[in-house]
Amino acid sequence: MDKEALKKIIVETLEGKKGKSKFYLKDFYAMAPDEKPRDVKNLVNQMVGEGILEYWSSGSTTLIGLKGAGKQAHAEDED
């Protein structure tokens, strides 16, 4: 699968998840089961660099979500 098609699948899958806005990297592997984990990780990193996705860290855990989505993003905008 080409990168653009995979990006579209990732974004559509994340937008379709109700009540959840942040995901572990392993969740992205499940979105592209035919791809190698390293390729998916590189694509996720690329999407973060492009501003499509963003990292969120609790200090001990790093999660990934759509940029500007979720309660945390809205709380940070109000500061």
PDB file of N, CA and C in Angstrom:
ATOM      1  N   MET A   1       0.848  -1.175   0.000  1.00  0.00           N
ATOM      2  CA  MET A   1       0.000   0.000   0.000  1.00  0.00           C
ATOM      3  C   MET A   1       0.896   1.241   0.000  1.00  0.00           C
ATOM      4  N   ASP A   2       0.533   2.244  -0.776  1.00  0.00           N
ATOM      5  CA  ASP A   2       1.363   3.438  -0.808  1.00  0.00           C
ATOM      6  C   ASP A   2       1.116   4.315   0.426  1.00  0.00           C
ATOM      7  N   LYS A   3       2.057   5.227   0.670  1.00  0.00           N
ATOM      8  CA  LYS A   3       2.020   6.028   1.890  1.00  0.00           C
ATOM      9  C   LYS A   3       0.784   6.916   1.979  1.00  0.00           C
ATOM     10  N   GLU A   4       0.396   7.517   0.878  1.00  0.00           N
ATOM     11  CA  GLU A   4      -0.762   8.423   0.917  1.00  0.00           C
ATOM     12  C   GLU A   4      -2.043   7.669   1.262  1.00  0.00           C
ATOM     13  N   ALA A   5      -2.208   6.473   0.709  1.00  0.00           N
ATOM     14  CA  ALA A   5      -3.391   5.666   1.027  1.00  0.00           C
ATOM     15  C   ALA A   5      -3.379   5.255   2.495  1.00  0.00           C
ATOM     16  N   LEU A   6      -2.215   4.920   3.005  1.00  0.00           N
ATOM     17  CA  LEU A   6      -2.099   4.528   4.401  1.00  0.00           C
ATOM     18  C   LEU A   6      -2.364   5.715   5.334  1.00  0.00           C
ATOM     19  N   LYS A   7      -1.884   6.893   4.958  1.00  0.00           N
ATOM     20  CA  LYS A   7      -2.168   8.101   5.746  1.00  0.00           C
ATOM     21  C   LYS A   7      -3.675   8.344   5.827  1.00  0.00           C
ATOM     22  N   LYS A   8      -4.343   8.179   4.697  1.00  0.00           N
ATOM     23  CA  LYS A   8      -5.787   8.390   4.651  1.00  0.00           C
ATOM     24  C   LYS A   8      -6.508   7.390   5.563  1.00  0.00           C
ATOM     25  N   ILE A   9      -6.085   6.132   5.536  1.00  0.00           N
ATOM     26  CA  ILE A   9      -6.681   5.113   6.394  1.00  0.00           C
ATOM     27  C   ILE A   9      -6.484   5.464   7.865  1.00  0.00           C
ATOM     28  N   ILE A  10      -5.278   5.894   8.219  1.00  0.00           N
ATOM     29  CA  ILE A  10      -4.985   6.250   9.605  1.00  0.00           C
ATOM     30  C   ILE A  10      -5.864   7.407  10.063  1.00  0.00           C
ATOM     31  N   VAL A  11      -5.937   8.467   9.278  1.00  0.00           N
ATOM     32  CA  VAL A  11      -6.736   9.636   9.651  1.00  0.00           C
ATOM     33  C   VAL A  11      -8.214   9.276   9.765  1.00  0.00           C
ATOM     34  N   GLU A  12      -8.732   8.530   8.808  1.00  0.00           N
ATOM     35  CA  GLU A  12     -10.143   8.138   8.849  1.00  0.00           C
ATOM     36  C   GLU A  12     -10.437   7.241  10.052  1.00  0.00           C
ATOM     37  N   THR A  13      -9.525   6.352  10.372  1.00  0.00           N
ATOM     38  CA  THR A  13      -9.714   5.473  11.520  1.00  0.00           C
ATOM     39  C   THR A  13      -9.718   6.276  12.815  1.00  0.00           C
ATOM     40  N   LEU A  14      -8.792   7.217  12.952  1.00  0.00           N
ATOM     41  CA  LEU A  14      -8.729   8.029  14.161  1.00  0.00           C
ATOM     42  C   LEU A  14      -9.964   8.921  14.296  1.00  0.00           C
ATOM     43  N   GLU A  15     -10.418   9.476  13.197  1.00  0.00           N
ATOM     44  CA  GLU A  15     -11.614  10.324  13.237  1.00  0.00           C
ATOM     45  C   GLU A  15     -12.858   9.519  13.597  1.00  0.00           C
ATOM     46  N   GLY A  16     -12.872   8.243  13.247  1.00  0.00           N
ATOM     47  CA  GLY A  16     -14.027   7.392  13.504  1.00  0.00           C
ATOM     48  C   GLY A  16     -14.098   6.841  14.918  1.00  0.00           C
ATOM     49  N   LYS A  17     -13.038   7.006  15.695  1.00  0.00           N
ATOM     50  CA  LYS A  17     -13.014   6.499  17.073  1.00  0.00           C
ATOM     51  C   LYS A  17     -13.696   7.516  17.986  1.00  0.00           C
ATOM     52  N   LYS A  18     -14.853   7.163  18.475  1.00  0.00           N
ATOM     53  CA  LYS A  18     -15.603   8.057  19.368  1.00  0.00           C
ATOM     54  C   LYS A  18     -15.158   7.841  20.806  1.00  0.00           C
ATOM     55  N   GLY A  19     -14.934   8.931  21.514  1.00  0.00           N
ATOM     56  CA  GLY A  19     -14.577   8.845  22.919  1.00  0.00           C
ATOM     57  C   GLY A  19     -13.110   8.586  23.194  1.00  0.00           C
ATOM     58  N   LYS A  20     -12.315   8.433  22.169  1.00  0.00           N
ATOM     59  CA  LYS A  20     -10.888   8.173  22.352  1.00  0.00           C
ATOM     60  C   LYS A  20     -10.123   9.011  21.343  1.00  0.00           C
ATOM     61  N   SER A  21      -9.129   9.752  21.820  1.00  0.00           N
ATOM     62  CA  SER A  21      -8.396  10.614  20.902  1.00  0.00           C
ATOM     63  C   SER A  21      -6.901  10.335  20.856  1.00  0.00           C
ATOM     64  N   LYS A  22      -6.390   9.569  21.814  1.00  0.00           N
ATOM     65  CA  LYS A  22      -4.960   9.259  21.850  1.00  0.00           C
ATOM     66  C   LYS A  22      -4.767   7.749  21.801  1.00  0.00           C
ATOM     67  N   PHE A  23      -3.735   7.320  21.086  1.00  0.00           N
ATOM     68  CA  PHE A  23      -3.517   5.900  20.847  1.00  0.00           C
ATOM     69  C   PHE A  23      -2.056   5.530  21.025  1.00  0.00           C
ATOM     70  N   TYR A  24      -1.821   4.271  21.403  1.00  0.00           N
ATOM     71  CA  TYR A  24      -0.464   3.736  21.460  1.00  0.00           C
ATOM     72  C   TYR A  24       0.011   3.453  20.037  1.00  0.00           C
ATOM     73  N   LEU A  25       1.334   3.395  19.873  1.00  0.00           N
ATOM     74  CA  LEU A  25       1.896   3.090  18.565  1.00  0.00           C
ATOM     75  C   LEU A  25       1.412   1.730  18.070  1.00  0.00           C
ATOM     76  N   LYS A  26       1.257   0.766  18.969  1.00  0.00           N
ATOM     77  CA  LYS A  26       0.803  -0.566  18.562  1.00  0.00           C
ATOM     78  C   LYS A  26      -0.590  -0.525  17.930  1.00  0.00           C
ATOM     79  N   ASP A  27      -1.407   0.470  18.294  1.00  0.00           N
ATOM     80  CA  ASP A  27      -2.727   0.611  17.679  1.00  0.00           C
ATOM     81  C   ASP A  27      -2.606   0.962  16.198  1.00  0.00           C
ATOM     82  N   PHE A  28      -1.567   1.686  15.855  1.00  0.00           N
ATOM     83  CA  PHE A  28      -1.347   2.045  14.456  1.00  0.00           C
ATOM     84  C   PHE A  28      -0.912   0.828  13.645  1.00  0.00           C
ATOM     85  N   TYR A  29      -0.184  -0.082  14.304  1.00  0.00           N
ATOM     86  CA  TYR A  29       0.205  -1.319  13.616  1.00  0.00           C
ATOM     87  C   TYR A  29      -1.036  -2.109  13.208  1.00  0.00           C
ATOM     88  N   ALA A  30      -2.062  -2.102  14.057  1.00  0.00           N
ATOM     89  CA  ALA A  30      -3.306  -2.828  13.761  1.00  0.00           C
ATOM     90  C   ALA A  30      -4.065  -2.192  12.601  1.00  0.00           C
ATOM     91  N   MET A  31      -3.869  -0.897  12.387  1.00  0.00           N
ATOM     92  CA  MET A  31      -4.540  -0.207  11.284  1.00  0.00           C
ATOM     93  C   MET A  31      -3.936  -0.591   9.937  1.00  0.00           C
ATOM     94  N   ALA A  32      -2.703  -1.066   9.957  1.00  0.00           N
ATOM     95  CA  ALA A  32      -2.006  -1.459   8.724  1.00  0.00           C
ATOM     96  C   ALA A  32      -1.349  -2.815   8.941  1.00  0.00           C
ATOM     97  N   PRO A  33      -2.151  -3.857   9.087  1.00  0.00           N
ATOM     98  CA  PRO A  33      -1.597  -5.176   9.428  1.00  0.00           C
ATOM     99  C   PRO A  33      -0.664  -5.777   8.365  1.00  0.00           C
ATOM    100  N   ASP A  34      -0.769  -5.335   7.132  1.00  0.00           N
ATOM    101  CA  ASP A  34       0.078  -5.875   6.071  1.00  0.00           C
ATOM    102  C   ASP A  34       1.436  -5.175   5.980  1.00  0.00           C
ATOM    103  N   GLU A  35       1.590  -4.096   6.727  1.00  0.00           N
ATOM    104  CA  GLU A  35       2.834  -3.323   6.688  1.00  0.00           C
ATOM    105  C   GLU A  35       3.766  -3.752   7.817  1.00  0.00           C
ATOM    106  N   LYS A  36       5.052  -3.555   7.614  1.00  0.00           N
ATOM    107  CA  LYS A  36       6.035  -3.848   8.653  1.00  0.00           C
ATOM    108  C   LYS A  36       5.902  -2.788   9.751  1.00  0.00           C
ATOM    109  N   PRO A  37       6.046  -3.185  11.016  1.00  0.00           N
ATOM    110  CA  PRO A  37       5.935  -2.215  12.119  1.00  0.00           C
ATOM    111  C   PRO A  37       6.873  -1.019  11.967  1.00  0.00           C
ATOM    112  N   ARG A  38       8.083  -1.264  11.490  1.00  0.00           N
ATOM    113  CA  ARG A  38       9.034  -0.158  11.322  1.00  0.00           C
ATOM    114  C   ARG A  38       8.532   0.854  10.284  1.00  0.00           C
ATOM    115  N   ASP A  39       7.926   0.372   9.203  1.00  0.00           N
ATOM    116  CA  ASP A  39       7.388   1.258   8.176  1.00  0.00           C
ATOM    117  C   ASP A  39       6.237   2.094   8.726  1.00  0.00           C
ATOM    118  N   VAL A  40       5.392   1.467   9.547  1.00  0.00           N
ATOM    119  CA  VAL A  40       4.275   2.192  10.150  1.00  0.00           C
ATOM    120  C   VAL A  40       4.805   3.257  11.110  1.00  0.00           C
ATOM    121  N   LYS A  41       5.796   2.881  11.912  1.00  0.00           N
ATOM    122  CA  LYS A  41       6.390   3.839  12.855  1.00  0.00           C
ATOM    123  C   LYS A  41       6.991   5.025  12.114  1.00  0.00           C
ATOM    124  N   ASN A  42       7.705   4.758  11.026  1.00  0.00           N
ATOM    125  CA  ASN A  42       8.299   5.842  10.237  1.00  0.00           C
ATOM    126  C   ASN A  42       7.225   6.739   9.640  1.00  0.00           C
ATOM    127  N   LEU A  43       6.115   6.148   9.182  1.00  0.00           N
ATOM    128  CA  LEU A  43       5.033   6.936   8.610  1.00  0.00           C
ATOM    129  C   LEU A  43       4.372   7.797   9.684  1.00  0.00           C
ATOM    130  N   VAL A  44       4.160   7.234  10.866  1.00  0.00           N
ATOM    131  CA  VAL A  44       3.578   8.008  11.969  1.00  0.00           C
ATOM    132  C   VAL A  44       4.495   9.187  12.318  1.00  0.00           C
ATOM    133  N   ASN A  45       5.795   8.943  12.402  1.00  0.00           N
ATOM    134  CA  ASN A  45       6.751  10.030  12.667  1.00  0.00           C
ATOM    135  C   ASN A  45       6.689  11.094  11.577  1.00  0.00           C
ATOM    136  N   GLN A  46       6.551  10.666  10.338  1.00  0.00           N
ATOM    137  CA  GLN A  46       6.437  11.607   9.225  1.00  0.00           C
ATOM    138  C   GLN A  46       5.162  12.435   9.362  1.00  0.00           C
ATOM    139  N   MET A  47       4.059  11.787   9.734  1.00  0.00           N
ATOM    140  CA  MET A  47       2.782  12.496   9.899  1.00  0.00           C
ATOM    141  C   MET A  47       2.844  13.491  11.059  1.00  0.00           C
ATOM    142  N   VAL A  48       3.599  13.173  12.106  1.00  0.00           N
ATOM    143  CA  VAL A  48       3.813  14.128  13.198  1.00  0.00           C
ATOM    144  C   VAL A  48       4.581  15.337  12.666  1.00  0.00           C
ATOM    145  N   GLY A  49       5.610  15.092  11.880  1.00  0.00           N
ATOM    146  CA  GLY A  49       6.395  16.174  11.286  1.00  0.00           C
ATOM    147  C   GLY A  49       5.587  17.060  10.358  1.00  0.00           C
ATOM    148  N   GLU A  50       4.596  16.468   9.694  1.00  0.00           N
ATOM    149  CA  GLU A  50       3.739  17.224   8.779  1.00  0.00           C
ATOM    150  C   GLU A  50       2.614  17.955   9.517  1.00  0.00           C
ATOM    151  N   GLY A  51       2.469  17.709  10.813  1.00  0.00           N
ATOM    152  CA  GLY A  51       1.432  18.377  11.589  1.00  0.00           C
ATOM    153  C   GLY A  51       0.065  17.706  11.517  1.00  0.00           C
ATOM    154  N   ILE A  52       0.010  16.490  11.030  1.00  0.00           N
ATOM    155  CA  ILE A  52      -1.258  15.762  10.961  1.00  0.00           C
ATOM    156  C   ILE A  52      -1.537  15.088  12.300  1.00  0.00           C
ATOM    157  N   LEU A  53      -0.495  14.499  12.873  1.00  0.00           N
ATOM    158  CA  LEU A  53      -0.592  13.843  14.172  1.00  0.00           C
ATOM    159  C   LEU A  53       0.270  14.590  15.176  1.00  0.00           C
ATOM    160  N   GLU A  54       0.069  14.294  16.467  1.00  0.00           N
ATOM    161  CA  GLU A  54       0.914  14.877  17.500  1.00  0.00           C
ATOM    162  C   GLU A  54       1.154  13.856  18.597  1.00  0.00           C
ATOM    163  N   TYR A  55       2.296  13.997  19.248  1.00  0.00           N
ATOM    164  CA  TYR A  55       2.615  13.154  20.387  1.00  0.00           C
ATOM    165  C   TYR A  55       2.031  13.791  21.638  1.00  0.00           C
ATOM    166  N   TRP A  56       1.640  12.942  22.591  1.00  0.00           N
ATOM    167  CA  TRP A  56       1.218  13.397  23.906  1.00  0.00           C
ATOM    168  C   TRP A  56       1.878  12.481  24.917  1.00  0.00           C
ATOM    169  N   SER A  57       2.454  13.064  25.951  1.00  0.00           N
ATOM    170  CA  SER A  57       3.161  12.250  26.933  1.00  0.00           C
ATOM    171  C   SER A  57       2.663  12.548  28.331  1.00  0.00           C
ATOM    172  N   SER A  58       2.471  11.481  29.102  1.00  0.00           N
ATOM    173  CA  SER A  58       2.091  11.628  30.504  1.00  0.00           C
ATOM    174  C   SER A  58       3.335  11.648  31.384  1.00  0.00           C
ATOM    175  N   GLY A  59       4.471  11.485  30.795  1.00  0.00           N
ATOM    176  CA  GLY A  59       5.725  11.389  31.520  1.00  0.00           C
ATOM    177  C   GLY A  59       6.273   9.977  31.474  1.00  0.00           C
ATOM    178  N   SER A  60       5.374   9.010  31.534  1.00  0.00           N
ATOM    179  CA  SER A  60       5.818   7.622  31.473  1.00  0.00           C
ATOM    180  C   SER A  60       5.321   6.913  30.215  1.00  0.00           C
ATOM    181  N   THR A  61       4.299   7.470  29.583  1.00  0.00           N
ATOM    182  CA  THR A  61       3.699   6.855  28.404  1.00  0.00           C
ATOM    183  C   THR A  61       3.569   7.895  27.307  1.00  0.00           C
ATOM    184  N   THR A  62       3.882   7.509  26.096  1.00  0.00           N
ATOM    185  CA  THR A  62       3.708   8.403  24.952  1.00  0.00           C
ATOM    186  C   THR A  62       2.570   7.875  24.089  1.00  0.00           C
ATOM    187  N   LEU A  63       1.617   8.744  23.822  1.00  0.00           N
ATOM    188  CA  LEU A  63       0.483   8.407  22.980  1.00  0.00           C
ATOM    189  C   LEU A  63       0.507   9.306  21.757  1.00  0.00           C
ATOM    190  N   ILE A  64      -0.255   8.928  20.745  1.00  0.00           N
ATOM    191  CA  ILE A  64      -0.287   9.667  19.485  1.00  0.00           C
ATOM    192  C   ILE A  64      -1.739   9.894  19.109  1.00  0.00           C
ATOM    193  N   GLY A  65      -2.044  11.095  18.629  1.00  0.00           N
ATOM    194  CA  GLY A  65      -3.402  11.385  18.200  1.00  0.00           C
ATOM    195  C   GLY A  65      -3.419  12.435  17.112  1.00  0.00           C
ATOM    196  N   LEU A  66      -4.608  12.687  16.591  1.00  0.00           N
ATOM    197  CA  LEU A  66      -4.752  13.741  15.592  1.00  0.00           C
ATOM    198  C   LEU A  66      -4.437  15.083  16.230  1.00  0.00           C
ATOM    199  N   LYS A  67      -3.757  15.931  15.522  1.00  0.00           N
ATOM    200  CA  LYS A  67      -3.389  17.236  16.055  1.00  0.00           C
ATOM    201  C   LYS A  67      -4.646  18.032  16.365  1.00  0.00           C
ATOM    202  N   GLY A  68      -4.723  18.546  17.578  1.00  0.00           N
ATOM    203  CA  GLY A  68      -5.851  19.378  17.989  1.00  0.00           C
ATOM    204  C   GLY A  68      -7.079  18.614  18.428  1.00  0.00           C
ATOM    205  N   ALA A  69      -7.005  17.304  18.539  1.00  0.00           N
ATOM    206  CA  ALA A  69      -8.165  16.504  18.949  1.00  0.00           C
ATOM    207  C   ALA A  69      -8.044  16.120  20.416  1.00  0.00           C
ATOM    208  N   GLY A  70      -9.185  16.005  21.079  1.00  0.00           N
ATOM    209  CA  GLY A  70      -9.207  15.530  22.455  1.00  0.00           C
ATOM    210  C   GLY A  70      -9.320  16.634  23.472  1.00  0.00           C
ATOM    211  N   LYS A  71      -9.630  16.238  24.679  1.00  0.00           N
ATOM    212  CA  LYS A  71      -9.825  17.181  25.770  1.00  0.00           C
ATOM    213  C   LYS A  71      -8.563  17.955  26.106  1.00  0.00           C
ATOM    214  N   GLN A  72      -7.429  17.283  26.084  1.00  0.00           N
ATOM    215  CA  GLN A  72      -6.170  17.934  26.416  1.00  0.00           C
ATOM    216  C   GLN A  72      -5.865  19.095  25.472  1.00  0.00           C
ATOM    217  N   ALA A  73      -6.112  18.905  24.210  1.00  0.00           N
ATOM    218  CA  ALA A  73      -5.810  19.954  23.220  1.00  0.00           C
ATOM    219  C   ALA A  73      -6.673  21.177  23.464  1.00  0.00           C
ATOM    220  N   HIS A  74      -7.936  20.972  23.788  1.00  0.00           N
ATOM    221  CA  HIS A  74      -8.847  22.096  24.020  1.00  0.00           C
ATOM    222  C   HIS A  74      -8.481  22.831  25.307  1.00  0.00           C
ATOM    223  N   ALA A  75      -8.043  22.111  26.329  1.00  0.00           N
ATOM    224  CA  ALA A  75      -7.641  22.732  27.590  1.00  0.00           C
ATOM    225  C   ALA A  75      -6.383  23.572  27.397  1.00  0.00           C
ATOM    226  N   GLU A  76      -5.453  23.088  26.570  1.00  0.00           N
ATOM    227  CA  GLU A  76      -4.218  23.824  26.330  1.00  0.00           C
ATOM    228  C   GLU A  76      -4.471  25.084  25.515  1.00  0.00           C
ATOM    229  N   ASP A  77      -5.494  25.069  24.641  1.00  0.00           N
ATOM    230  CA  ASP A  77      -5.808  26.247  23.829  1.00  0.00           C
ATOM    231  C   ASP A  77      -6.337  27.397  24.677  1.00  0.00           C
ATOM    232  N   GLU A  78      -6.964  27.079  25.812  1.00  0.00           N
ATOM    233  CA  GLU A  78      -7.582  28.099  26.649  1.00  0.00           C
ATOM    234  C   GLU A  78      -6.576  28.838  27.512  1.00  0.00           C
ATOM    235  N   ASP A  79      -5.373  28.325  27.660  1.00  0.00           N
ATOM    236  CA  ASP A  79      -4.347  28.948  28.501  1.00  0.00           C
ATOM    237  C   ASP A  79      -3.880  30.257  27.919  1.00  0.00           C
TER     238      ASP A  79
END
